[in-house]
C-alpha atoms as a PDB file:
ATOM      1  CA  MET A   1      -2.982 119.457 -31.534  1.00  0.00           C
ATOM      2  CA  LYS A   2      -2.531 115.690 -31.364  1.00  0.00           C
ATOM      3  CA  LYS A   3      -4.554 115.319 -34.589  1.00  0.00           C
ATOM      4  CA  LEU A   4      -2.336 117.846 -36.339  1.00  0.00           C
ATOM      5  CA  VAL A   5       0.887 116.115 -35.265  1.00  0.00           C
ATOM      6  CA  THR A   6      -0.517 112.727 -36.282  1.00  0.00           C
ATOM      7  CA  GLY A   7      -1.508 114.108 -39.662  1.00  0.00           C
ATOM      8  CA  MET A   8       1.952 115.520 -40.226  1.00  0.00           C
ATOM      9  CA  LEU A   9       3.574 112.232 -39.300  1.00  0.00           C
ATOM     10  CA  VAL A  10       1.306 110.362 -41.734  1.00  0.00           C
ATOM     11  CA  LEU A  11       2.160 112.849 -44.479  1.00  0.00           C
ATOM     12  CA  THR A  12       5.859 112.403 -43.758  1.00  0.00           C
ATOM     13  CA  ALA A  13       5.533 108.614 -43.938  1.00  0.00           C
ATOM     14  CA  LEU A  14       3.666 108.824 -47.240  1.00  0.00           C
ATOM     15  CA  MET A  15       6.346 111.010 -48.734  1.00  0.00           C
ATOM     16  CA  GLY A  16       8.886 108.423 -47.658  1.00  0.00           C
ATOM     17  CA  CYS A  17       6.934 105.852 -49.650  1.00  0.00           C
ATOM     18  CA  VAL A  18       6.914 108.220 -52.639  1.00  0.00           C
ATOM     19  CA  LEU A  19      10.715 108.258 -52.524  1.00  0.00           C
ATOM     20  CA  VAL A  20      10.776 104.489 -52.711  1.00  0.00           C
ATOM     21  CA  VAL A  21       8.381 104.407 -55.664  1.00  0.00           C
ATOM     22  CA  PHE A  22      10.334 107.016 -57.566  1.00  0.00           C
ATOM     23  CA  SER A  23      13.538 105.189 -56.832  1.00  0.00           C
ATOM     24  CA  ALA A  24      12.118 101.924 -58.179  1.00  0.00           C
ATOM     25  CA  SER A  25      10.988 103.465 -61.493  1.00  0.00           C
ATOM     26  CA  GLN A  26      13.472 106.283 -61.915  1.00  0.00           C
ATOM     27  CA  ALA A  27      13.446 106.035 -65.726  1.00  0.00           C
ATOM     28  CA  GLU A  28       9.759 107.043 -65.840  1.00  0.00           C
ATOM     29  CA  THR A  29       9.833 109.871 -63.253  1.00  0.00           C
ATOM     30  CA  LEU A  30       9.213 113.503 -64.040  1.00  0.00           C
ATOM     31  CA  VAL A  31      11.056 114.640 -60.889  1.00  0.00           C
ATOM     32  CA  SER A  32      14.618 113.600 -60.144  1.00  0.00           C
ATOM     33  CA  ARG A  33      15.366 111.419 -57.158  1.00  0.00           C
ATOM     34  CA  SER A  34      18.040 113.867 -55.991  1.00  0.00           C
ATOM     35  CA  TYR A  35      15.441 116.645 -55.846  1.00  0.00           C
ATOM     36  CA  LEU A  36      13.031 114.515 -53.806  1.00  0.00           C
ATOM     37  CA  SER A  37      15.670 113.327 -51.340  1.00  0.00           C
ATOM     38  CA  GLY A  38      17.326 116.726 -51.129  1.00  0.00           C
ATOM     39  CA  ILE A  39      15.554 120.050 -51.498  1.00  0.00           C
ATOM     40  CA  PHE A  40      11.970 118.753 -51.445  1.00  0.00           C
ATOM     41  CA  TRP A  41      12.546 116.504 -48.395  1.00  0.00           C
ATOM     42  CA  SER A  42      14.265 119.326 -46.477  1.00  0.00           C
ATOM     43  CA  ASP A  43      11.462 121.769 -47.285  1.00  0.00           C
ATOM     44  CA  LEU A  44       8.818 119.249 -46.195  1.00  0.00           C
ATOM     45  CA  ARG A  45      10.509 118.647 -42.840  1.00  0.00           C
ATOM     46  CA  ALA A  46      10.841 122.398 -42.287  1.00  0.00           C
ATOM     47  CA  THR A  47       7.141 122.879 -43.036  1.00  0.00           C
ATOM     48  CA  VAL A  48       6.135 120.107 -40.628  1.00  0.00           C
ATOM     49  CA  LYS A  49       8.318 121.602 -37.887  1.00  0.00           C
ATOM     50  CA  GLN A  50       6.828 125.057 -38.383  1.00  0.00           C
ATOM     51  CA  GLU A  51       3.269 123.717 -38.183  1.00  0.00           C
ATOM     52  CA  VAL A  52       3.988 121.677 -35.046  1.00  0.00           C
ATOM     53  CA  ASP A  53       5.876 124.548 -33.370  1.00  0.00           C
ATOM     54  CA  ARG A  54       3.034 126.924 -34.163  1.00  0.00           C
ATOM     55  CA  ASP A  55       0.362 124.760 -32.554  1.00  0.00           C
ATOM     56  CA  THR A  56       2.414 123.636 -29.562  1.00  0.00           C
ATOM     57  CA  SER A  57       3.414 127.234 -28.974  1.00  0.00           C
ATOM     58  CA  ALA A  58      -0.244 128.230 -28.844  1.00  0.00           C
ATOM     59  CA  PHE A  59      -0.999 125.392 -26.444  1.00  0.00           C
ATOM     60  CA  TYR A  60       1.785 126.260 -24.006  1.00  0.00           C
ATOM     61  CA  THR A  61       1.109 129.991 -24.301  1.00  0.00           C
ATOM     62  CA  GLU A  62      -2.478 129.338 -23.214  1.00  0.00           C
ATOM     63  CA  ALA A  63      -1.320 127.097 -20.332  1.00  0.00           C
ATOM     64  CA  ALA A  64       1.236 129.699 -19.243  1.00  0.00           C
ATOM     65  CA  ALA A  65      -1.439 132.408 -19.305  1.00  0.00           C
ATOM     66  CA  GLN A  66      -3.708 130.295 -17.116  1.00  0.00           C
ATOM     67  CA  ALA A  67      -0.852 129.643 -14.715  1.00  0.00           C
ATOM     68  CA  GLU A  68       0.002 133.339 -14.566  1.00  0.00           C
ATOM     69  CA  GLN A  69      -3.621 134.230 -13.844  1.00  0.00           C
ATOM     70  CA  VAL A  70      -3.757 131.764 -10.945  1.00  0.00           C
ATOM     71  CA  ARG A  71      -0.329 132.789  -9.701  1.00  0.00           C
ATOM     72  CA  GLY A  72      -1.279 136.443  -9.734  1.00  0.00           C
ATOM     73  CA  SER A  73      -4.167 135.780  -7.376  1.00  0.00           C
ATOM     74  CA  SER A  74      -2.361 133.553  -4.907  1.00  0.00           C
ATOM     75  CA  GLY A  75       1.271 134.636  -4.747  1.00  0.00           C
ATOM     76  CA  SER A  76       4.430 132.583  -5.164  1.00  0.00           C
ATOM     77  CA  PHE A  77       5.259 129.017  -4.165  1.00  0.00           C
ATOM     78  CA  ALA A  78       4.155 127.981  -0.695  1.00  0.00           C
ATOM     79  CA  ALA A  79       5.235 124.885   1.230  1.00  0.00           C
ATOM     80  CA  GLN A  80       2.546 122.253   1.795  1.00  0.00           C
ATOM     81  CA  THR A  81       2.593 118.847   3.447  1.00  0.00           C
ATOM     82  CA  GLY A  82       0.465 115.727   3.528  1.00  0.00           C
ATOM     83  CA  VAL A  83       0.349 112.237   4.959  1.00  0.00           C
ATOM     84  CA  SER A  84      -0.437 108.866   3.474  1.00  0.00           C
ATOM     85  CA  GLY A  85      -3.821 108.741   1.777  1.00  0.00           C
ATOM     86  CA  ASP A  86      -4.346 112.521   1.602  1.00  0.00           C
ATOM     87  CA  MET A  87      -5.932 113.761  -1.620  1.00  0.00           C
ATOM     88  CA  VAL A  88      -4.323 116.822  -3.188  1.00  0.00           C
ATOM     89  CA  THR A  89      -6.411 118.643  -5.794  1.00  0.00           C
ATOM     90  CA  GLY A  90      -5.366 121.500  -8.031  1.00  0.00           C
ATOM     91  CA  SER A  91      -7.087 123.626 -10.677  1.00  0.00           C
ATOM     92  CA  VAL A  92      -5.930 124.029 -14.260  1.00  0.00           C
ATOM     93  CA  GLY A  93      -2.820 126.180 -14.579  1.00  0.00           C
ATOM     94  CA  SER A  94      -1.635 125.554 -11.021  1.00  0.00           C
ATOM     95  CA  GLY A  95       1.916 124.350 -10.502  1.00  0.00           C
ATOM     96  CA  LEU A  96       3.930 122.544  -7.883  1.00  0.00           C
ATOM     97  CA  ILE A  97       7.398 121.216  -7.178  1.00  0.00           C
ATOM     98  CA  TRP A  98       7.396 117.819  -5.457  1.00  0.00           C
ATOM     99  CA  THR A  99      10.090 117.916  -2.764  1.00  0.00           C
ATOM    100  CA  SER A 100       9.830 114.686  -0.734  1.00  0.00           C
ATOM    101  CA  GLY A 101       7.843 111.490  -0.344  1.00  0.00           C
ATOM    102  CA  ASN A 102       5.709 109.697  -2.905  1.00  0.00           C
ATOM    103  CA  GLY A 103       2.730 110.991  -4.826  1.00  0.00           C
ATOM    104  CA  VAL A 104       0.478 109.367  -7.430  1.00  0.00           C
ATOM    105  CA  VAL A 105      -1.781 110.943 -10.062  1.00  0.00           C
ATOM    106  CA  ARG A 106      -5.385 109.836  -9.509  1.00  0.00           C
ATOM    107  CA  SER A 107      -7.164 111.859 -12.202  1.00  0.00           C
ATOM    108  CA  GLY A 108      -6.735 114.732 -14.622  1.00  0.00           C
ATOM    109  CA  THR A 109      -3.826 115.877 -16.768  1.00  0.00           C
ATOM    110  CA  LEU A 110      -0.569 116.685 -15.009  1.00  0.00           C
ATOM    111  CA  VAL A 111       2.404 117.773 -17.112  1.00  0.00           C
ATOM    112  CA  ASP A 112       5.935 117.147 -15.864  1.00  0.00           C
ATOM    113  CA  ALA A 113       7.539 120.388 -17.001  1.00  0.00           C
ATOM    114  CA  THR A 114      10.993 119.170 -15.995  1.00  0.00           C
ATOM    115  CA  VAL A 115      11.060 116.435 -18.635  1.00  0.00           C
ATOM    116  CA  GLY A 116       8.316 117.752 -20.917  1.00  0.00           C
ATOM    117  CA  SER A 117       5.821 114.892 -20.748  1.00  0.00           C
ATOM    118  CA  GLU A 118       2.440 114.077 -19.259  1.00  0.00           C
ATOM    119  CA  VAL A 119       2.225 111.889 -16.152  1.00  0.00           C
ATOM    120  CA  ALA A 120      -0.293 109.111 -16.763  1.00  0.00           C
ATOM    121  CA  VAL A 121      -3.068 108.426 -14.263  1.00  0.00           C
ATOM    122  CA  GLY A 122      -1.540 106.029 -11.744  1.00  0.00           C
ATOM    123  CA  GLY A 123       1.930 107.396 -12.477  1.00  0.00           C
ATOM    124  CA  ALA A 124       4.285 108.508  -9.727  1.00  0.00           C
ATOM    125  CA  LEU A 125       5.649 112.006  -9.148  1.00  0.00           C
ATOM    126  CA  SER A 126       9.417 112.518  -9.033  1.00  0.00           C
ATOM    127  CA  VAL A 127      11.148 114.443  -6.279  1.00  0.00           C
ATOM    128  CA  GLY A 128      12.581 117.724  -7.541  1.00  0.00           C
ATOM    129  CA  HIS A 129      10.415 117.912 -10.670  1.00  0.00           C
ATOM    130  CA  ARG A 130       8.128 120.812 -11.483  1.00  0.00           C
ATOM    131  CA  TYR A 131       4.547 120.067 -12.564  1.00  0.00           C
ATOM    132  CA  LEU A 132       1.767 122.017 -14.245  1.00  0.00           C
ATOM    133  CA  ALA A 133      -1.917 121.101 -14.108  1.00  0.00           C
ATOM    134  CA  GLY A 134      -3.165 120.888 -17.686  1.00  0.00           C
ATOM    135  CA  THR A 135      -6.686 120.275 -16.359  1.00  0.00           C
ATOM    136  CA  ASP A 136      -8.095 120.029 -12.863  1.00  0.00           C
ATOM    137  CA  VAL A 137      -6.083 117.229 -11.242  1.00  0.00           C
ATOM    138  CA  ALA A 138      -6.184 114.998  -8.170  1.00  0.00           C
ATOM    139  CA  LEU A 139      -3.076 113.512  -6.565  1.00  0.00           C
ATOM    140  CA  MET A 140      -2.711 111.099  -3.678  1.00  0.00           C
ATOM    141  CA  VAL A 141       0.072 111.046  -1.096  1.00  0.00           C
ATOM    142  CA  ALA A 142       1.493 107.515  -1.320  1.00  0.00           C
ATOM    143  CA  SER A 143       4.005 107.511   1.531  1.00  0.00           C
ATOM    144  CA  GLY A 144       3.937 108.119   5.255  1.00  0.00           C
ATOM    145  CA  ALA A 145       4.505 111.822   4.618  1.00  0.00           C
ATOM    146  CA  ALA A 146       5.204 114.084   1.670  1.00  0.00           C
ATOM    147  CA  GLN A 147       6.069 117.707   0.979  1.00  0.00           C
ATOM    148  CA  TRP A 148       5.715 119.971  -2.027  1.00  0.00           C
ATOM    149  CA  MET A 149       5.891 123.632  -3.032  1.00  0.00           C
ATOM    150  CA  ALA A 150       2.616 124.834  -4.538  1.00  0.00           C
ATOM    151  CA  GLU A 151       1.580 127.812  -6.613  1.00  0.00           C
ATOM    152  CA  GLY A 152      -1.968 128.469  -7.717  1.00  0.00           C
ATOM    153  CA  LYS A 153      -5.060 126.833  -6.301  1.00  0.00           C
ATOM    154  CA  TRP A 154      -4.272 123.609  -4.431  1.00  0.00           C
ATOM    155  CA  SER A 155      -6.130 122.019  -1.548  1.00  0.00           C
ATOM    156  CA  THR A 156      -5.429 118.954   0.598  1.00  0.00           C
ATOM    157  CA  ALA A 157      -8.084 116.747   2.172  1.00  0.00           C
ATOM    158  CA  ALA A 158      -7.655 113.801   4.502  1.00  0.00           C
ATOM    159  CA  GLY A 159      -8.112 110.558   2.646  1.00  0.00           C
ATOM    160  CA  ASP A 160      -9.909 107.356   3.540  1.00  0.00           C
ATOM    161  CA  PRO A 161      -7.695 105.683   6.180  1.00  0.00           C
ATOM    162  CA  THR A 162      -8.319 102.285   4.567  1.00  0.00           C
ATOM    163  CA  ARG A 163      -7.459 103.464   1.070  1.00  0.00           C
ATOM    164  CA  LEU A 164      -4.192 102.280  -0.420  1.00  0.00           C
ATOM    165  CA  PRO A 165      -2.245 103.624  -3.402  1.00  0.00           C
ATOM    166  CA  PHE A 166      -1.524 100.094  -4.594  1.00  0.00           C
ATOM    167  CA  THR A 167      -3.341  98.793  -7.641  1.00  0.00           C
ATOM    168  CA  ASP A 168      -2.477  95.168  -6.801  1.00  0.00           C
ATOM    169  CA  VAL A 169      -4.177  95.004  -3.376  1.00  0.00           C
ATOM    170  CA  ASP A 170      -7.853  94.292  -3.923  1.00  0.00           C
ATOM    171  CA  GLN A 171     -10.329  95.630  -1.382  1.00  0.00           C
ATOM    172  CA  ASN A 172     -11.656  92.087  -0.872  1.00  0.00           C
ATOM    173  CA  ALA A 173      -8.270  90.357  -0.600  1.00  0.00           C
ATOM    174  CA  TRP A 174      -7.791  88.407   2.635  1.00  0.00           C
ATOM    175  CA  TYR A 175      -4.645  90.423   3.362  1.00  0.00           C
ATOM    176  CA  HIS A 176      -6.081  93.880   2.569  1.00  0.00           C
ATOM    177  CA  ASP A 177      -6.419  95.034   6.179  1.00  0.00           C
ATOM    178  CA  ASP A 178      -2.982  93.627   6.982  1.00  0.00           C
ATOM    179  CA  VAL A 179      -1.409  95.647   4.187  1.00  0.00           C
ATOM    180  CA  VAL A 180      -3.264  98.735   5.412  1.00  0.00           C
ATOM    181  CA  TYR A 181      -1.776  98.185   8.881  1.00  0.00           C
ATOM    182  CA  VAL A 182       1.851  97.719   7.788  1.00  0.00           C
ATOM    183  CA  TYR A 183       1.647 100.529   5.244  1.00  0.00           C
ATOM    184  CA  ARG A 184      -0.054 103.094   7.471  1.00  0.00           C
ATOM    185  CA  ASN A 185       2.360 102.343  10.303  1.00  0.00           C
ATOM    186  CA  GLY A 186       5.402 102.738   8.092  1.00  0.00           C
ATOM    187  CA  LEU A 187       6.529  99.117   8.426  1.00  0.00           C
ATOM    188  CA  PHE A 188       6.313  98.282   4.737  1.00  0.00           C
ATOM    189  CA  ASN A 189       6.745 100.348   1.627  1.00  0.00           C
ATOM    190  CA  GLY A 190       5.460  99.295  -1.741  1.00  0.00           C
ATOM    191  CA  GLU A 191       7.813  97.835  -4.301  1.00  0.00           C
ATOM    192  CA  SER A 192       6.823 100.979  -6.224  1.00  0.00           C
ATOM    193  CA  PRO A 193       4.450 103.852  -5.402  1.00  0.00           C
ATOM    194  CA  THR A 194       1.556 101.917  -6.979  1.00  0.00           C
ATOM    195  CA  ALA A 195       2.518  98.254  -6.444  1.00  0.00           C
ATOM    196  CA  PHE A 196       2.765  96.360  -3.154  1.00  0.00           C
ATOM    197  CA  GLU A 197       3.586  92.994  -4.783  1.00  0.00           C
ATOM    198  CA  PRO A 198       1.829  90.880  -2.126  1.00  0.00           C
ATOM    199  CA  GLY A 199       2.948  87.578  -3.658  1.00  0.00           C
ATOM    200  CA  ASN A 200       6.655  88.415  -3.729  1.00  0.00           C
ATOM    201  CA  LYS A 201       8.867  86.477  -1.345  1.00  0.00           C
ATOM    202  CA  MET A 202      10.158  88.130   1.816  1.00  0.00           C
ATOM    203  CA  GLN A 203      13.934  88.224   2.127  1.00  0.00           C
ATOM    204  CA  ARG A 204      15.886  87.961   5.372  1.00  0.00           C
ATOM    205  CA  CYS A 205      17.184  91.517   5.158  1.00  0.00           C
ATOM    206  CA  MET A 206      13.654  92.810   4.504  1.00  0.00           C
ATOM    207  CA  MET A 207      12.464  91.056   7.654  1.00  0.00           C
ATOM    208  CA  THR A 208      15.127  92.618   9.871  1.00  0.00           C
ATOM    209  CA  THR A 209      14.420  96.050   8.378  1.00  0.00           C
ATOM    210  CA  VAL A 210      10.677  95.753   9.021  1.00  0.00           C
ATOM    211  CA  LEU A 211      11.238  94.545  12.585  1.00  0.00           C
ATOM    212  CA  HIS A 212      13.605  97.463  13.225  1.00  0.00           C
ATOM    213  CA  ARG A 213      10.832  99.832  12.130  1.00  0.00           C
ATOM    214  CA  LEU A 214       8.338  98.035  14.392  1.00  0.00           C
ATOM    215  CA  ALA A 215      10.693  98.674  17.322  1.00  0.00           C
ATOM    216  CA  GLY A 216      10.738 102.396  16.539  1.00  0.00           C
ATOM    217  CA  LYS A 217      14.053 102.395  14.650  1.00  0.00           C
ATOM    218  CA  PRO A 218      16.387 102.531  17.676  1.00  0.00           C
ATOM    219  CA  ALA A 219      19.855 103.961  17.046  1.00  0.00           C
ATOM    220  CA  VAL A 220      22.419 101.497  15.741  1.00  0.00           C
ATOM    221  CA  SER A 221      26.207 101.564  15.714  1.00  0.00           C
ATOM    222  CA  TYR A 222      27.677  99.659  12.825  1.00  0.00           C
ATOM    223  CA  SER A 223      29.386  96.373  13.574  1.00  0.00           C
ATOM    224  CA  SER A 224      31.080  93.942  11.224  1.00  0.00           C
ATOM    225  CA  MET A 225      29.378  91.001  12.920  1.00  0.00           C
ATOM    226  CA  PHE A 226      28.252  89.722   9.505  1.00  0.00           C
ATOM    227  CA  ARG A 227      30.786  89.893   6.698  1.00  0.00           C
ATOM    228  CA  ASP A 228      28.033  90.084   4.056  1.00  0.00           C
ATOM    229  CA  ILE A 229      26.328  93.098   5.694  1.00  0.00           C
ATOM    230  CA  PRO A 230      28.344  96.149   4.609  1.00  0.00           C
ATOM    231  CA  ASN A 231      27.849  99.570   6.141  1.00  0.00           C
ATOM    232  CA  GLY A 232      25.591 102.084   4.448  1.00  0.00           C
ATOM    233  CA  GLN A 233      23.033  99.779   2.813  1.00  0.00           C
ATOM    234  CA  TRP A 234      19.265 100.174   3.268  1.00  0.00           C
ATOM    235  CA  TYR A 235      19.161  96.947   5.288  1.00  0.00           C
ATOM    236  CA  THR A 236      22.322  97.506   7.351  1.00  0.00           C
ATOM    237  CA  GLU A 237      20.854  99.155  10.460  1.00  0.00           C
ATOM    238  CA  GLY A 238      17.977  96.727  10.836  1.00  0.00           C
ATOM    239  CA  THR A 239      20.145  93.653  10.401  1.00  0.00           C
ATOM    240  CA  ILE A 240      22.927  94.808  12.741  1.00  0.00           C
ATOM    241  CA  TRP A 241      20.322  95.837  15.333  1.00  0.00           C
ATOM    242  CA  ALA A 242      18.530  92.474  15.141  1.00  0.00           C
ATOM    243  CA  GLY A 243      21.812  90.580  15.242  1.00  0.00           C
ATOM    244  CA  SER A 244      23.062  92.536  18.245  1.00  0.00           C
ATOM    245  CA  LEU A 245      19.886  91.683  20.176  1.00  0.00           C
ATOM    246  CA  GLY A 246      20.120  88.035  19.245  1.00  0.00           C
ATOM    247  CA  VAL A 247      16.808  88.229  17.390  1.00  0.00           C
ATOM    248  CA  VAL A 248      18.519  86.839  14.287  1.00  0.00           C
ATOM    249  CA  THR A 249      21.629  84.786  13.789  1.00  0.00           C
ATOM    250  CA  GLY A 250      23.741  84.030  10.771  1.00  0.00           C
ATOM    251  CA  VAL A 251      23.365  80.990   8.551  1.00  0.00           C
ATOM    252  CA  GLU A 252      26.982  80.181   9.336  1.00  0.00           C
ATOM    253  CA  ALA A 253      29.894  81.784  11.152  1.00  0.00           C
ATOM    254  CA  GLY A 254      30.120  85.441  10.124  1.00  0.00           C
ATOM    255  CA  ARG A 255      27.528  85.319   7.319  1.00  0.00           C
ATOM    256  CA  PHE A 256      23.898  86.441   7.381  1.00  0.00           C
ATOM    257  CA  ASP A 257      22.808  85.640   3.803  1.00  0.00           C
ATOM    258  CA  PRO A 258      20.569  88.740   3.568  1.00  0.00           C
ATOM    259  CA  PHE A 259      18.891  88.041   0.244  1.00  0.00           C
ATOM    260  CA  SER A 260      17.707  84.507   0.904  1.00  0.00           C
ATOM    261  CA  ASN A 261      13.981  84.074   1.373  1.00  0.00           C
ATOM    262  CA  VAL A 262      12.747  83.843   4.945  1.00  0.00           C
ATOM    263  CA  THR A 263      10.490  80.903   5.841  1.00  0.00           C
ATOM    264  CA  ARG A 264       7.356  80.866   7.976  1.00  0.00           C
ATOM    265  CA  GLN A 265       9.223  78.915  10.648  1.00  0.00           C
ATOM    266  CA  GLU A 266      12.090  81.436  10.690  1.00  0.00           C
ATOM    267  CA  ILE A 267       9.636  84.325  11.069  1.00  0.00           C
ATOM    268  CA  ALA A 268       8.011  82.594  14.046  1.00  0.00           C
ATOM    269  CA  VAL A 269      11.447  82.237  15.666  1.00  0.00           C
ATOM    270  CA  ILE A 270      12.354  85.866  14.950  1.00  0.00           C
ATOM    271  CA  LEU A 271       9.096  87.192  16.419  1.00  0.00           C
ATOM    272  CA  TYR A 272       9.384  84.864  19.415  1.00  0.00           C
ATOM    273  CA  ARG A 273      12.876  86.135  20.221  1.00  0.00           C
ATOM    274  CA  TYR A 274      11.824  89.730  19.638  1.00  0.00           C
ATOM    275  CA  ALA A 275       8.841  89.316  21.981  1.00  0.00           C
ATOM    276  CA  GLY A 276      11.186  87.999  24.649  1.00  0.00           C
ATOM    277  CA  GLN A 277      13.517  90.969  24.215  1.00  0.00           C
ATOM    278  CA  MET A 278      10.548  93.337  24.585  1.00  0.00           C
ATOM    279  CA  GLY A 279       9.540  91.654  27.852  1.00  0.00           C
ATOM    280  CA  TYR A 280       6.289  90.156  26.578  1.00  0.00           C
ATOM    281  CA  ASP A 281       4.856  87.006  28.116  1.00  0.00           C
ATOM    282  CA  THR A 282       5.530  84.224  25.612  1.00  0.00           C
ATOM    283  CA  SER A 283       4.241  81.384  27.773  1.00  0.00           C
ATOM    284  CA  VAL A 284       1.123  80.804  25.665  1.00  0.00           C
ATOM    285  CA  THR A 285       1.444  77.681  23.526  1.00  0.00           C
ATOM    286  CA  ALA A 286      -0.621  75.397  21.344  1.00  0.00           C
ATOM    287  CA  ALA A 287      -0.210  71.756  20.387  1.00  0.00           C
ATOM    288  CA  LEU A 288       1.080  71.249  16.853  1.00  0.00           C
ATOM    289  CA  SER A 289       0.056  67.614  16.630  1.00  0.00           C
ATOM    290  CA  GLY A 290      -3.146  68.470  14.784  1.00  0.00           C
ATOM    291  CA  PHE A 291      -1.251  69.689  11.734  1.00  0.00           C
ATOM    292  CA  GLY A 292      -0.437  67.133   9.070  1.00  0.00           C
ATOM    293  CA  ASP A 293       3.111  68.348   8.519  1.00  0.00           C
ATOM    294  CA  VAL A 294       4.154  68.756  12.170  1.00  0.00           C
ATOM    295  CA  GLY A 295       7.077  66.462  11.429  1.00  0.00           C
ATOM    296  CA  SER A 296       8.537  69.168   9.160  1.00  0.00           C
ATOM    297  CA  VAL A 297       8.979  71.580  12.072  1.00  0.00           C
ATOM    298  CA  ALA A 298      12.656  71.747  13.041  1.00  0.00           C
ATOM    299  CA  SER A 299      13.705  71.116  16.621  1.00  0.00           C
ATOM    300  CA  TRP A 300      15.078  74.660  16.836  1.00  0.00           C
ATOM    301  CA  GLY A 301      11.721  76.070  15.697  1.00  0.00           C
ATOM    302  CA  ASN A 302       9.298  73.898  17.661  1.00  0.00           C
ATOM    303  CA  GLN A 303       8.909  76.159  20.691  1.00  0.00           C
ATOM    304  CA  ALA A 304       8.512  79.320  18.609  1.00  0.00           C
ATOM    305  CA  MET A 305       6.005  77.659  16.281  1.00  0.00           C
ATOM    306  CA  SER A 306       3.962  76.427  19.257  1.00  0.00           C
ATOM    307  CA  TRP A 307       3.930  79.960  20.670  1.00  0.00           C
ATOM    308  CA  ALA A 308       3.047  81.553  17.315  1.00  0.00           C
ATOM    309  CA  VAL A 309       0.079  79.228  16.845  1.00  0.00           C
ATOM    310  CA  GLY A 310      -1.059  79.699  20.454  1.00  0.00           C
ATOM    311  CA  ALA A 311      -0.841  83.493  20.158  1.00  0.00           C
ATOM    312  CA  GLY A 312      -2.816  83.461  16.906  1.00  0.00           C
ATOM    313  CA  ILE A 313       0.095  84.866  14.923  1.00  0.00           C
ATOM    314  CA  LEU A 314       0.515  81.860  12.666  1.00  0.00           C
ATOM    315  CA  ASN A 315      -2.438  79.994  11.231  1.00  0.00           C
ATOM    316  CA  GLY A 316      -2.336  76.777   9.314  1.00  0.00           C
ATOM    317  CA  SER A 317      -3.494  76.397   5.740  1.00  0.00           C
ATOM    318  CA  ASP A 318      -5.670  73.390   4.881  1.00  0.00           C
ATOM    319  CA  GLY A 319      -4.456  71.640   8.026  1.00  0.00           C
ATOM    320  CA  LEU A 320      -0.783  72.321   7.291  1.00  0.00           C
ATOM    321  CA  LEU A 321       1.754  74.611   8.955  1.00  0.00           C
ATOM    322  CA  GLN A 322       4.075  74.791   5.944  1.00  0.00           C
ATOM    323  CA  PRO A 323       7.015  75.679   8.226  1.00  0.00           C
ATOM    324  CA  ASN A 324       9.585  75.586   5.445  1.00  0.00           C
ATOM    325  CA  GLY A 325       7.520  77.509   2.928  1.00  0.00           C
ATOM    326  CA  ASP A 326       8.917  80.850   1.810  1.00  0.00           C
ATOM    327  CA  ALA A 327       6.778  83.617   3.302  1.00  0.00           C
ATOM    328  CA  THR A 328       5.222  86.180   0.972  1.00  0.00           C
ATOM    329  CA  ARG A 329       4.965  89.883   1.675  1.00  0.00           C
ATOM    330  CA  ALA A 330       1.224  89.469   2.265  1.00  0.00           C
ATOM    331  CA  GLU A 331       1.809  86.655   4.780  1.00  0.00           C
ATOM    332  CA  VAL A 332       4.414  88.655   6.680  1.00  0.00           C
ATOM    333  CA  ALA A 333       2.086  91.665   6.752  1.00  0.00           C
ATOM    334  CA  ALA A 334      -0.592  89.436   8.287  1.00  0.00           C
ATOM    335  CA  MET A 335       1.805  87.961  10.865  1.00  0.00           C
ATOM    336  CA  LEU A 336       3.040  91.401  11.910  1.00  0.00           C
ATOM    337  CA  HIS A 337      -0.521  92.711  12.174  1.00  0.00           C
ATOM    338  CA  ARG A 338      -1.484  89.752  14.385  1.00  0.00           C
ATOM    339  CA  PHE A 339       1.697  90.163  16.425  1.00  0.00           C
ATOM    340  CA  ALA A 340       0.854  93.828  17.054  1.00  0.00           C
ATOM    341  CA  SER A 341      -2.667  92.912  18.188  1.00  0.00           C
ATOM    342  CA  TRP A 342      -1.271  90.208  20.480  1.00  0.00           C
ATOM    343  CA  SER A 343       1.386  92.493  21.974  1.00  0.00           C
ATOM    344  CA  GLU A 344      -1.203  95.176  22.767  1.00  0.00           C
ATOM    345  CA  ARG A 345      -2.927  92.688  25.061  1.00  0.00           C
ATOM    346  CA  GLN A 346       0.239  92.012  27.060  1.00  0.00           C
END
């Protein structure tokens, strides 16, 4: 079918060129320009449309017949669920409606019947859309949990617990296991269903949101303690919760500055305060004098940095602490993973 459509488009383009040629040498033409641009052009477009409609109709009739055959043997839509990493496979002609969570196409041809286009391998499914398997397909649940309504032959198998849906987290990357931890435990989401963006900077409001999730998302009553944290935003609960506990403070009276990048030193302070609120023993310390940039550690961050190094949560890089360096998503994932391991030993 694709070859037919391509051929028709080429023919149409060539006829457009013919119009130009005839226009340029109208005195020598045997056919009038008005005929070419009027009746002939209209007839050509009608012929192309008929040919395309005929072949696409046959294609979708065949797909519909396959779907009806599968549906007849298995009944109507049935609710199914999966968790992160699960592989969902379906046979040709089977359909589903994705109802919640994230899903990614891993192989095969899946047609989004809602918008009338194919979902590329690696592409994400949209909540509320109806899909039809044009061939045998494999999908992967790319969020903590997902739900869908299935018709036809679908099966779900538990996936590799270390497998990630992100194409930008290499298996051999130093932060791979850290990303697995924060993703599997629902602390981090990807920037998209297939991209984690490990090198992106971590913002202050992202940090409070992640920490709120680590604490089990305790209930929060809105407070106007920060004038730049309005009610109803994705980062509101986490920031108000962290501010109420004293885990974070504003950059100045009444302002939190949610979208500024958070530094490695600030993360150490936040985790140190959080550990204290959770009743963990934060007495472990380590000398910072061995790091070449110890003089860059602020007085307000010295104690927390000493604890973070002593607890193995913060490591230096090439003999430097880089306390004022903006933390990346990969670095924060690593620090949270190490913090979780440390807290389990308390």
